[in-house]
Amino acid sequence: MNALKAREIIDRTLYAGETVLAFSAATDVATPVVTFVDSSPNFWIAVTQSRFITVGEASRQATSHLLPDIKVLEVHRKLLGGSLLHFDPAGLGPDLGLMTLKVHDKATAKALPALLADRAHAPTLPKETTSYTSVTVKSPPHLVPFVGEESDDHLCTTCGGVCGVSMKGESTVYPECSACNRSVIKPDAPEA
């Protein structure tokens, strides 16, 4: 995926008035014990006034986290290795949640400490809702024994992010879109 496609995915998640303050390719240099969605260590990252957003090279899906909610998001400068961004959204530690991202754009790496310094006081996003549509996707071969041949992903009608999944007849709808953080309502439900 090139930078233009990654920015397109990120830009679809933005709220009115929200802008991308930093954007770069990044590689997770930590080898996680558990790998969930992305089998590639390559990501695109972005920081806005309110969120930290990643786009997985393998999944081509955005995931965003509100800056004040992230347990670990800090830059560590290495003498010869450049800057590494430590990202652990839930504070699960190196075995489950920690990503150590090598930020490829040097200007972004230098700007990140200032952008993240006051993240506890980041502006809140407006309360917005989104709906979803269901799309049938084939399961990767290594997951077929667990989830079946295919599943229905619930995709956000605003940004295209994942809002839930339906496997083997059981449907789960997330309270918020994983990409844009908008509250998810059922497709036929009136807006609140």
N, C-alpha and C. Protein backbone atom coordinates (compact mmCIF):
# COMPACT_ATOMS: atom_id res chain seq x y z
N MET A 1 0.86 -1.17 0.00
CA MET A 1 0.00 0.00 0.00
C MET A 1 0.90 1.23 0.00
N ASN A 2 0.58 2.19 -0.83
CA ASN A 2 1.39 3.40 -0.88
C ASN A 2 0.82 4.47 0.05
N ALA A 3 1.55 5.57 0.19
CA ALA A 3 1.16 6.65 1.11
C ALA A 3 -0.18 7.27 0.72
N LEU A 4 -0.43 7.39 -0.56
CA LEU A 4 -1.69 8.00 -1.02
C LEU A 4 -2.90 7.17 -0.57
N LYS A 5 -2.82 5.85 -0.73
CA LYS A 5 -3.92 4.97 -0.32
C LYS A 5 -4.10 5.00 1.20
N ALA A 6 -2.98 4.97 1.93
CA ALA A 6 -3.06 5.03 3.39
C ALA A 6 -3.71 6.33 3.84
N ARG A 7 -3.33 7.45 3.25
CA ARG A 7 -3.94 8.74 3.62
C ARG A 7 -5.42 8.77 3.28
N GLU A 8 -5.79 8.15 2.19
CA GLU A 8 -7.21 8.09 1.81
C GLU A 8 -8.02 7.36 2.90
N ILE A 9 -7.48 6.24 3.37
CA ILE A 9 -8.15 5.47 4.43
C ILE A 9 -8.26 6.30 5.70
N ILE A 10 -7.19 6.98 6.08
CA ILE A 10 -7.18 7.82 7.28
C ILE A 10 -8.13 9.00 7.13
N ASP A 11 -8.09 9.65 5.98
CA ASP A 11 -8.93 10.84 5.76
C ASP A 11 -10.42 10.52 5.85
N ARG A 12 -10.82 9.29 5.49
CA ARG A 12 -12.24 8.91 5.60
C ARG A 12 -12.70 8.85 7.06
N THR A 13 -11.77 8.69 8.00
CA THR A 13 -12.14 8.58 9.42
C THR A 13 -12.25 9.93 10.11
N LEU A 14 -11.80 11.00 9.46
CA LEU A 14 -11.72 12.31 10.12
C LEU A 14 -13.09 12.93 10.36
N TYR A 15 -13.19 13.68 11.43
CA TYR A 15 -14.37 14.46 11.76
C TYR A 15 -14.21 15.86 11.18
N ALA A 16 -15.29 16.60 11.09
CA ALA A 16 -15.21 17.99 10.62
C ALA A 16 -14.29 18.77 11.55
N GLY A 17 -13.32 19.47 10.98
CA GLY A 17 -12.39 20.26 11.77
C GLY A 17 -11.17 19.50 12.27
N GLU A 18 -11.17 18.17 12.16
CA GLU A 18 -10.03 17.37 12.60
C GLU A 18 -9.04 17.26 11.44
N THR A 19 -7.76 17.43 11.73
CA THR A 19 -6.74 17.36 10.69
C THR A 19 -5.62 16.41 11.10
N VAL A 20 -4.91 15.92 10.12
CA VAL A 20 -3.76 15.05 10.37
C VAL A 20 -2.57 15.96 10.66
N LEU A 21 -2.00 15.83 11.86
CA LEU A 21 -0.86 16.64 12.27
C LEU A 21 0.47 15.97 11.96
N ALA A 22 0.49 14.65 11.89
CA ALA A 22 1.70 13.89 11.58
C ALA A 22 1.28 12.61 10.87
N PHE A 23 2.09 12.17 9.90
CA PHE A 23 1.77 11.00 9.10
C PHE A 23 3.08 10.36 8.64
N SER A 24 3.19 9.05 8.76
CA SER A 24 4.42 8.38 8.35
C SER A 24 4.18 6.88 8.21
N ALA A 25 5.04 6.26 7.43
CA ALA A 25 5.13 4.80 7.43
C ALA A 25 5.86 4.40 8.70
N ALA A 26 5.57 3.21 9.20
CA ALA A 26 6.23 2.72 10.41
C ALA A 26 6.31 1.20 10.35
N THR A 27 7.30 0.66 11.03
CA THR A 27 7.47 -0.78 11.10
C THR A 27 7.55 -1.18 12.56
N ASP A 28 6.78 -2.19 12.93
CA ASP A 28 6.83 -2.71 14.30
C ASP A 28 8.07 -3.58 14.42
N VAL A 29 9.03 -3.12 15.21
CA VAL A 29 10.28 -3.86 15.35
C VAL A 29 10.23 -4.87 16.50
N ALA A 30 9.17 -4.83 17.30
CA ALA A 30 8.98 -5.82 18.36
C ALA A 30 8.29 -7.03 17.75
N THR A 31 8.71 -8.20 18.12
CA THR A 31 8.07 -9.42 17.63
C THR A 31 7.03 -9.85 18.65
N PRO A 32 5.74 -9.64 18.34
CA PRO A 32 4.71 -10.00 19.31
C PRO A 32 4.57 -11.50 19.46
N VAL A 33 4.21 -11.91 20.66
CA VAL A 33 3.95 -13.32 20.92
C VAL A 33 2.66 -13.73 20.22
N VAL A 34 1.66 -12.84 20.25
CA VAL A 34 0.37 -13.11 19.64
C VAL A 34 0.17 -12.12 18.51
N THR A 35 -0.15 -12.61 17.31
CA THR A 35 -0.44 -11.74 16.18
C THR A 35 -1.92 -11.90 15.86
N PHE A 36 -2.64 -10.78 15.83
CA PHE A 36 -4.08 -10.85 15.61
C PHE A 36 -4.43 -10.65 14.13
N VAL A 37 -4.63 -9.42 13.69
CA VAL A 37 -5.13 -9.17 12.35
C VAL A 37 -3.99 -9.07 11.33
N ASP A 38 -3.02 -8.23 11.61
CA ASP A 38 -1.97 -7.98 10.65
C ASP A 38 -0.87 -9.02 10.76
N SER A 39 -0.55 -9.63 9.62
CA SER A 39 0.58 -10.54 9.62
C SER A 39 1.83 -9.83 9.13
N SER A 40 1.69 -8.56 8.76
CA SER A 40 2.82 -7.74 8.34
C SER A 40 3.17 -6.77 9.46
N PRO A 41 4.47 -6.51 9.67
CA PRO A 41 4.85 -5.55 10.70
C PRO A 41 4.78 -4.10 10.21
N ASN A 42 4.33 -3.89 8.97
CA ASN A 42 4.32 -2.55 8.38
C ASN A 42 2.98 -1.85 8.56
N PHE A 43 3.07 -0.59 8.96
CA PHE A 43 1.90 0.23 9.23
C PHE A 43 2.09 1.62 8.66
N TRP A 44 1.01 2.34 8.60
CA TRP A 44 1.03 3.78 8.41
C TRP A 44 0.44 4.35 9.69
N ILE A 45 1.00 5.42 10.20
CA ILE A 45 0.49 6.02 11.42
C ILE A 45 0.14 7.47 11.18
N ALA A 46 -0.82 7.96 11.95
CA ALA A 46 -1.20 9.37 11.87
C ALA A 46 -1.61 9.83 13.27
N VAL A 47 -1.35 11.10 13.54
CA VAL A 47 -1.78 11.73 14.78
C VAL A 47 -2.64 12.93 14.40
N THR A 48 -3.82 13.01 15.01
CA THR A 48 -4.68 14.19 14.85
C THR A 48 -4.72 14.91 16.20
N GLN A 49 -5.56 15.92 16.29
CA GLN A 49 -5.71 16.63 17.55
C GLN A 49 -6.25 15.71 18.65
N SER A 50 -7.00 14.68 18.28
CA SER A 50 -7.70 13.85 19.25
C SER A 50 -7.34 12.37 19.23
N ARG A 51 -6.72 11.89 18.13
CA ARG A 51 -6.56 10.45 17.97
C ARG A 51 -5.19 10.05 17.44
N PHE A 52 -4.83 8.80 17.73
CA PHE A 52 -3.69 8.13 17.11
C PHE A 52 -4.29 7.05 16.22
N ILE A 53 -3.93 7.05 14.94
CA ILE A 53 -4.54 6.15 13.95
C ILE A 53 -3.45 5.30 13.32
N THR A 54 -3.71 4.00 13.22
CA THR A 54 -2.82 3.11 12.48
C THR A 54 -3.60 2.48 11.32
N VAL A 55 -2.90 2.23 10.23
CA VAL A 55 -3.46 1.48 9.10
C VAL A 55 -2.52 0.32 8.85
N GLY A 56 -3.03 -0.89 8.99
CA GLY A 56 -2.21 -2.07 8.79
C GLY A 56 -1.96 -2.34 7.32
N GLU A 57 -0.71 -2.60 6.98
CA GLU A 57 -0.35 -2.90 5.60
C GLU A 57 -1.09 -4.14 5.11
N ALA A 58 -1.21 -5.17 5.94
CA ALA A 58 -1.85 -6.42 5.53
C ALA A 58 -3.37 -6.30 5.51
N SER A 59 -3.94 -5.68 6.53
CA SER A 59 -5.40 -5.62 6.63
C SER A 59 -6.02 -4.49 5.81
N ARG A 60 -5.24 -3.43 5.56
CA ARG A 60 -5.73 -2.24 4.86
C ARG A 60 -6.88 -1.59 5.62
N GLN A 61 -6.90 -1.79 6.94
CA GLN A 61 -7.94 -1.24 7.80
C GLN A 61 -7.33 -0.26 8.80
N ALA A 62 -8.05 0.81 9.06
CA ALA A 62 -7.62 1.78 10.07
C ALA A 62 -8.13 1.35 11.44
N THR A 63 -7.35 1.67 12.44
CA THR A 63 -7.76 1.51 13.83
C THR A 63 -7.36 2.80 14.52
N SER A 64 -8.30 3.41 15.24
CA SER A 64 -7.95 4.66 15.91
C SER A 64 -8.25 4.57 17.40
N HIS A 65 -7.46 5.32 18.14
CA HIS A 65 -7.57 5.36 19.59
C HIS A 65 -7.58 6.82 20.02
N LEU A 66 -8.47 7.15 20.94
CA LEU A 66 -8.48 8.50 21.49
C LEU A 66 -7.21 8.70 22.30
N LEU A 67 -6.53 9.81 22.07
CA LEU A 67 -5.24 10.04 22.72
C LEU A 67 -5.27 9.89 24.24
N PRO A 68 -6.27 10.45 24.95
CA PRO A 68 -6.25 10.31 26.42
C PRO A 68 -6.46 8.88 26.91
N ASP A 69 -7.04 8.01 26.07
CA ASP A 69 -7.33 6.63 26.48
C ASP A 69 -6.15 5.68 26.33
N ILE A 70 -5.13 6.07 25.59
CA ILE A 70 -4.00 5.19 25.33
C ILE A 70 -3.10 5.13 26.55
N LYS A 71 -2.81 3.92 27.02
CA LYS A 71 -1.98 3.75 28.22
C LYS A 71 -0.52 4.11 27.95
N VAL A 72 0.04 3.67 26.81
CA VAL A 72 1.44 3.97 26.48
C VAL A 72 1.50 4.47 25.04
N LEU A 73 2.00 5.67 24.86
CA LEU A 73 2.25 6.25 23.54
C LEU A 73 3.36 7.28 23.74
N GLU A 74 4.59 6.82 23.59
CA GLU A 74 5.72 7.68 23.88
C GLU A 74 6.88 7.38 22.95
N VAL A 75 7.67 8.42 22.70
CA VAL A 75 8.81 8.31 21.82
C VAL A 75 10.07 8.10 22.66
N HIS A 76 10.85 7.12 22.26
CA HIS A 76 12.14 6.85 22.89
C HIS A 76 13.21 7.07 21.83
N ARG A 77 14.15 7.94 22.13
CA ARG A 77 15.23 8.21 21.18
C ARG A 77 16.41 7.29 21.51
N LYS A 78 16.92 6.66 20.46
CA LYS A 78 18.10 5.80 20.61
C LYS A 78 19.28 6.52 19.99
N LEU A 79 20.43 6.34 20.56
CA LEU A 79 21.61 7.03 20.09
C LEU A 79 21.89 6.76 18.61
N LEU A 80 21.87 5.52 18.19
CA LEU A 80 22.15 5.18 16.80
C LEU A 80 20.92 4.68 16.05
N GLY A 81 19.90 4.27 16.78
CA GLY A 81 18.73 3.65 16.15
C GLY A 81 17.62 4.60 15.78
N GLY A 82 17.79 5.91 16.00
CA GLY A 82 16.73 6.85 15.70
C GLY A 82 15.65 6.84 16.77
N SER A 83 14.44 7.21 16.38
CA SER A 83 13.32 7.29 17.32
C SER A 83 12.42 6.07 17.19
N LEU A 84 12.00 5.56 18.33
CA LEU A 84 11.04 4.46 18.37
C LEU A 84 9.81 4.92 19.12
N LEU A 85 8.65 4.64 18.57
CA LEU A 85 7.38 5.00 19.19
C LEU A 85 6.83 3.76 19.88
N HIS A 86 6.72 3.82 21.20
CA HIS A 86 6.15 2.71 21.97
C HIS A 86 4.65 2.95 22.09
N PHE A 87 3.86 1.97 21.62
CA PHE A 87 2.41 2.09 21.57
C PHE A 87 1.78 0.85 22.18
N ASP A 88 1.04 1.04 23.26
CA ASP A 88 0.35 -0.04 23.95
C ASP A 88 -1.00 0.51 24.40
N PRO A 89 -2.03 0.39 23.56
CA PRO A 89 -3.30 1.06 23.85
C PRO A 89 -3.96 0.66 25.17
N ALA A 90 -3.86 -0.61 25.56
CA ALA A 90 -4.53 -1.07 26.77
C ALA A 90 -3.58 -1.32 27.92
N GLY A 91 -2.29 -1.11 27.74
CA GLY A 91 -1.33 -1.35 28.79
C GLY A 91 -1.11 -2.82 29.08
N LEU A 92 -1.17 -3.66 28.04
CA LEU A 92 -1.04 -5.11 28.22
C LEU A 92 0.40 -5.59 28.27
N GLY A 93 1.34 -4.74 27.94
CA GLY A 93 2.74 -5.11 28.03
C GLY A 93 3.28 -5.79 26.78
N PRO A 94 4.56 -6.14 26.80
CA PRO A 94 5.22 -6.65 25.60
C PRO A 94 4.70 -7.98 25.08
N ASP A 95 4.12 -8.80 25.91
CA ASP A 95 3.65 -10.10 25.43
C ASP A 95 2.36 -10.02 24.63
N LEU A 96 1.53 -9.02 24.89
CA LEU A 96 0.23 -8.96 24.20
C LEU A 96 -0.05 -7.65 23.48
N GLY A 97 0.38 -6.53 24.02
CA GLY A 97 -0.11 -5.30 23.44
C GLY A 97 0.91 -4.31 22.93
N LEU A 98 2.16 -4.44 23.31
CA LEU A 98 3.14 -3.40 22.99
C LEU A 98 3.62 -3.51 21.55
N MET A 99 3.55 -2.38 20.85
CA MET A 99 4.17 -2.25 19.54
C MET A 99 5.33 -1.27 19.71
N THR A 100 6.46 -1.57 19.11
CA THR A 100 7.59 -0.66 19.09
C THR A 100 7.79 -0.28 17.64
N LEU A 101 7.30 0.91 17.29
CA LEU A 101 7.26 1.34 15.90
C LEU A 101 8.46 2.19 15.54
N LYS A 102 9.17 1.78 14.52
CA LYS A 102 10.23 2.58 13.93
C LYS A 102 9.55 3.50 12.92
N VAL A 103 9.54 4.80 13.21
CA VAL A 103 8.88 5.78 12.36
C VAL A 103 9.85 6.14 11.23
N HIS A 104 9.44 5.96 9.99
CA HIS A 104 10.34 6.13 8.86
C HIS A 104 10.58 7.59 8.47
N ASP A 105 9.60 8.46 8.65
CA ASP A 105 9.77 9.86 8.29
C ASP A 105 10.44 10.59 9.45
N LYS A 106 11.64 11.12 9.22
CA LYS A 106 12.41 11.75 10.30
C LYS A 106 11.73 13.00 10.85
N ALA A 107 11.08 13.78 9.99
CA ALA A 107 10.39 14.98 10.46
C ALA A 107 9.23 14.61 11.38
N THR A 108 8.51 13.55 11.04
CA THR A 108 7.41 13.08 11.89
C THR A 108 7.96 12.59 13.22
N ALA A 109 9.05 11.83 13.19
CA ALA A 109 9.65 11.31 14.42
C ALA A 109 10.06 12.46 15.34
N LYS A 110 10.58 13.54 14.78
CA LYS A 110 10.98 14.69 15.60
C LYS A 110 9.77 15.45 16.14
N ALA A 111 8.67 15.49 15.38
CA ALA A 111 7.48 16.23 15.79
C ALA A 111 6.64 15.49 16.82
N LEU A 112 6.72 14.17 16.86
CA LEU A 112 5.84 13.38 17.73
C LEU A 112 5.93 13.74 19.22
N PRO A 113 7.12 13.92 19.81
CA PRO A 113 7.14 14.23 21.24
C PRO A 113 6.32 15.47 21.60
N ALA A 114 6.40 16.52 20.80
CA ALA A 114 5.62 17.73 21.07
C ALA A 114 4.12 17.50 20.87
N LEU A 115 3.77 16.72 19.84
CA LEU A 115 2.36 16.44 19.57
C LEU A 115 1.72 15.58 20.66
N LEU A 116 2.52 14.71 21.29
CA LEU A 116 1.99 13.78 22.29
C LEU A 116 2.15 14.27 23.72
N ALA A 117 2.86 15.37 23.91
CA ALA A 117 3.20 15.85 25.26
C ALA A 117 1.97 16.11 26.12
N ASP A 118 0.94 16.65 25.55
CA ASP A 118 -0.26 17.00 26.33
C ASP A 118 -1.46 16.17 25.89
N ARG A 119 -1.22 14.91 25.53
CA ARG A 119 -2.31 14.09 24.99
C ARG A 119 -3.43 13.82 25.99
N ALA A 120 -3.14 13.91 27.28
CA ALA A 120 -4.19 13.70 28.29
C ALA A 120 -5.27 14.76 28.20
N HIS A 121 -4.94 15.91 27.61
CA HIS A 121 -5.90 17.01 27.48
C HIS A 121 -6.32 17.24 26.04
N ALA A 122 -6.23 16.20 25.22
CA ALA A 122 -6.63 16.31 23.81
C ALA A 122 -8.12 16.64 23.72
N PRO A 123 -8.50 17.43 22.71
CA PRO A 123 -9.92 17.77 22.55
C PRO A 123 -10.77 16.53 22.31
N THR A 124 -11.98 16.54 22.84
CA THR A 124 -12.89 15.42 22.62
C THR A 124 -13.52 15.54 21.23
N LEU A 125 -13.89 14.41 20.69
CA LEU A 125 -14.54 14.39 19.39
C LEU A 125 -16.03 14.65 19.57
N PRO A 126 -16.68 15.24 18.58
CA PRO A 126 -18.13 15.43 18.68
C PRO A 126 -18.83 14.08 18.69
N LYS A 127 -19.98 14.03 19.31
CA LYS A 127 -20.77 12.79 19.35
C LYS A 127 -21.43 12.60 17.99
N GLU A 128 -20.99 11.60 17.27
CA GLU A 128 -21.56 11.29 15.96
C GLU A 128 -21.88 9.81 15.91
N THR A 129 -22.85 9.46 15.08
CA THR A 129 -23.22 8.06 14.92
C THR A 129 -22.94 7.62 13.48
N THR A 130 -22.86 6.33 13.31
CA THR A 130 -22.71 5.74 11.99
C THR A 130 -23.51 4.45 11.97
N SER A 131 -23.74 3.94 10.81
CA SER A 131 -24.40 2.67 10.65
C SER A 131 -23.41 1.71 9.99
N TYR A 132 -23.88 0.56 9.59
CA TYR A 132 -22.98 -0.41 8.96
C TYR A 132 -23.72 -1.20 7.89
N THR A 133 -22.94 -1.76 7.00
CA THR A 133 -23.45 -2.70 6.02
C THR A 133 -22.68 -4.00 6.23
N SER A 134 -23.29 -5.11 5.88
CA SER A 134 -22.63 -6.41 6.04
C SER A 134 -22.04 -6.86 4.71
N VAL A 135 -20.79 -7.30 4.76
CA VAL A 135 -20.09 -7.77 3.57
C VAL A 135 -19.53 -9.16 3.88
N THR A 136 -19.76 -10.12 3.01
CA THR A 136 -19.25 -11.47 3.20
C THR A 136 -17.79 -11.53 2.76
N VAL A 137 -16.94 -12.05 3.64
CA VAL A 137 -15.52 -12.19 3.33
C VAL A 137 -15.09 -13.63 3.57
N LYS A 138 -14.16 -14.10 2.73
CA LYS A 138 -13.61 -15.44 2.91
C LYS A 138 -12.62 -15.42 4.06
N SER A 139 -12.64 -16.44 4.87
CA SER A 139 -11.72 -16.55 6.00
C SER A 139 -10.35 -17.00 5.51
N PRO A 140 -9.27 -16.47 6.12
CA PRO A 140 -7.94 -16.99 5.78
C PRO A 140 -7.88 -18.48 6.11
N PRO A 141 -7.12 -19.26 5.32
CA PRO A 141 -7.09 -20.72 5.52
C PRO A 141 -6.78 -21.15 6.96
N HIS A 142 -5.91 -20.42 7.66
CA HIS A 142 -5.54 -20.85 9.02
C HIS A 142 -6.66 -20.59 10.03
N LEU A 143 -7.67 -19.80 9.66
CA LEU A 143 -8.79 -19.54 10.58
C LEU A 143 -10.04 -20.35 10.26
N VAL A 144 -10.08 -21.03 9.11
CA VAL A 144 -11.27 -21.78 8.70
C VAL A 144 -11.74 -22.77 9.77
N PRO A 145 -10.84 -23.54 10.44
CA PRO A 145 -11.33 -24.48 11.46
C PRO A 145 -12.02 -23.79 12.64
N PHE A 146 -11.69 -22.53 12.88
CA PHE A 146 -12.26 -21.82 14.04
C PHE A 146 -13.49 -21.01 13.69
N VAL A 147 -13.49 -20.34 12.53
CA VAL A 147 -14.59 -19.41 12.22
C VAL A 147 -15.41 -19.83 11.01
N GLY A 148 -15.01 -20.89 10.31
CA GLY A 148 -15.74 -21.34 9.14
C GLY A 148 -15.15 -20.77 7.86
N GLU A 149 -15.74 -21.14 6.73
CA GLU A 149 -15.25 -20.74 5.41
C GLU A 149 -15.33 -19.24 5.17
N GLU A 150 -16.38 -18.62 5.72
CA GLU A 150 -16.55 -17.18 5.50
C GLU A 150 -17.29 -16.56 6.68
N SER A 151 -17.20 -15.24 6.74
CA SER A 151 -17.90 -14.50 7.78
C SER A 151 -18.45 -13.23 7.17
N ASP A 152 -19.33 -12.58 7.89
CA ASP A 152 -19.85 -11.29 7.46
C ASP A 152 -19.22 -10.22 8.32
N ASP A 153 -18.47 -9.32 7.70
CA ASP A 153 -17.93 -8.17 8.42
C ASP A 153 -18.95 -7.05 8.33
N HIS A 154 -19.14 -6.36 9.45
CA HIS A 154 -20.00 -5.18 9.47
C HIS A 154 -19.09 -3.98 9.27
N LEU A 155 -19.25 -3.29 8.13
CA LEU A 155 -18.39 -2.18 7.78
C LEU A 155 -19.11 -0.84 7.93
N CYS A 156 -18.41 0.12 8.51
CA CYS A 156 -18.93 1.46 8.77
C CYS A 156 -19.35 2.14 7.46
N THR A 157 -20.55 2.71 7.45
CA THR A 157 -21.01 3.41 6.25
C THR A 157 -20.34 4.77 6.09
N THR A 158 -19.72 5.28 7.14
CA THR A 158 -19.04 6.56 7.06
C THR A 158 -17.61 6.41 6.55
N CYS A 159 -16.84 5.47 7.13
CA CYS A 159 -15.41 5.39 6.79
C CYS A 159 -14.96 4.06 6.22
N GLY A 160 -15.80 3.02 6.30
CA GLY A 160 -15.41 1.70 5.81
C GLY A 160 -14.70 0.84 6.84
N GLY A 161 -14.56 1.33 8.06
CA GLY A 161 -13.90 0.58 9.12
C GLY A 161 -14.78 -0.55 9.63
N VAL A 162 -14.19 -1.39 10.47
CA VAL A 162 -14.90 -2.56 10.99
C VAL A 162 -15.75 -2.16 12.19
N CYS A 163 -17.04 -2.51 12.13
CA CYS A 163 -17.99 -2.21 13.21
C CYS A 163 -18.49 -3.48 13.89
N GLY A 164 -18.07 -4.63 13.41
CA GLY A 164 -18.51 -5.89 14.00
C GLY A 164 -18.31 -7.02 13.03
N VAL A 165 -18.76 -8.20 13.45
CA VAL A 165 -18.60 -9.40 12.63
C VAL A 165 -19.73 -10.37 12.94
N SER A 166 -20.04 -11.19 11.96
CA SER A 166 -21.04 -12.24 12.15
C SER A 166 -20.41 -13.55 11.69
N MET A 167 -20.23 -14.49 12.64
CA MET A 167 -19.62 -15.78 12.33
C MET A 167 -20.52 -16.89 12.83
N LYS A 168 -20.69 -17.89 11.99
CA LYS A 168 -21.47 -19.07 12.35
C LYS A 168 -22.83 -18.69 12.96
N GLY A 169 -23.46 -17.68 12.38
CA GLY A 169 -24.79 -17.28 12.81
C GLY A 169 -24.84 -16.36 14.02
N GLU A 170 -23.72 -16.07 14.64
CA GLU A 170 -23.70 -15.17 15.78
C GLU A 170 -23.10 -13.84 15.36
N SER A 171 -23.85 -12.78 15.62
CA SER A 171 -23.43 -11.45 15.20
C SER A 171 -22.99 -10.61 16.40
N THR A 172 -21.88 -9.92 16.23
CA THR A 172 -21.39 -8.99 17.24
C THR A 172 -21.22 -7.63 16.59
N VAL A 173 -21.88 -6.63 17.14
CA VAL A 173 -21.74 -5.26 16.66
C VAL A 173 -21.03 -4.47 17.75
N TYR A 174 -19.93 -3.83 17.39
CA TYR A 174 -19.17 -3.05 18.36
C TYR A 174 -19.92 -1.77 18.73
N PRO A 175 -19.72 -1.25 19.93
CA PRO A 175 -20.38 0.01 20.30
C PRO A 175 -19.85 1.19 19.50
N GLU A 176 -18.57 1.09 19.05
CA GLU A 176 -17.97 2.15 18.24
C GLU A 176 -17.25 1.52 17.06
N CYS A 177 -17.19 2.26 15.95
CA CYS A 177 -16.40 1.84 14.80
C CYS A 177 -14.93 1.83 15.21
N SER A 178 -14.22 0.78 14.88
CA SER A 178 -12.81 0.67 15.27
C SER A 178 -11.92 1.66 14.52
N ALA A 179 -12.39 2.18 13.40
CA ALA A 179 -11.58 3.11 12.61
C ALA A 179 -11.84 4.57 12.94
N CYS A 180 -13.12 4.95 13.10
CA CYS A 180 -13.42 6.38 13.28
C CYS A 180 -13.97 6.72 14.67
N ASN A 181 -14.22 5.75 15.50
CA ASN A 181 -14.74 5.95 16.86
C ASN A 181 -16.14 6.55 16.92
N ARG A 182 -16.88 6.53 15.82
CA ARG A 182 -18.27 6.98 15.87
C ARG A 182 -19.12 5.88 16.49
N SER A 183 -20.18 6.26 17.23
CA SER A 183 -21.08 5.28 17.84
C SER A 183 -21.85 4.55 16.75
N VAL A 184 -21.96 3.24 16.88
CA VAL A 184 -22.61 2.42 15.86
C VAL A 184 -24.06 2.19 16.22
N ILE A 185 -24.93 2.45 15.26
CA ILE A 185 -26.36 2.15 15.40
C ILE A 185 -26.73 1.13 14.34
N LYS A 186 -27.81 0.40 14.59
CA LYS A 186 -28.28 -0.58 13.61
C LYS A 186 -28.73 0.16 12.36
N PRO A 187 -28.58 -0.46 11.19
CA PRO A 187 -28.92 0.22 9.94
C PRO A 187 -30.33 0.79 9.88
N ASP A 188 -31.29 0.14 10.52
CA ASP A 188 -32.66 0.64 10.46
C ASP A 188 -33.06 1.45 11.68
N ALA A 189 -32.15 1.71 12.59
CA ALA A 189 -32.47 2.45 13.81
C ALA A 189 -32.39 3.96 13.54
N PRO A 190 -33.32 4.75 14.15
CA PRO A 190 -33.25 6.19 13.98
C PRO A 190 -32.06 6.76 14.77
N GLU A 191 -31.51 7.87 14.29
CA GLU A 191 -30.39 8.52 14.99
C GLU A 191 -30.88 9.16 16.28
N ALA A 192 -30.03 9.13 17.30
CA ALA A 192 -30.38 9.70 18.59
C ALA A 192 -30.14 11.19 18.61
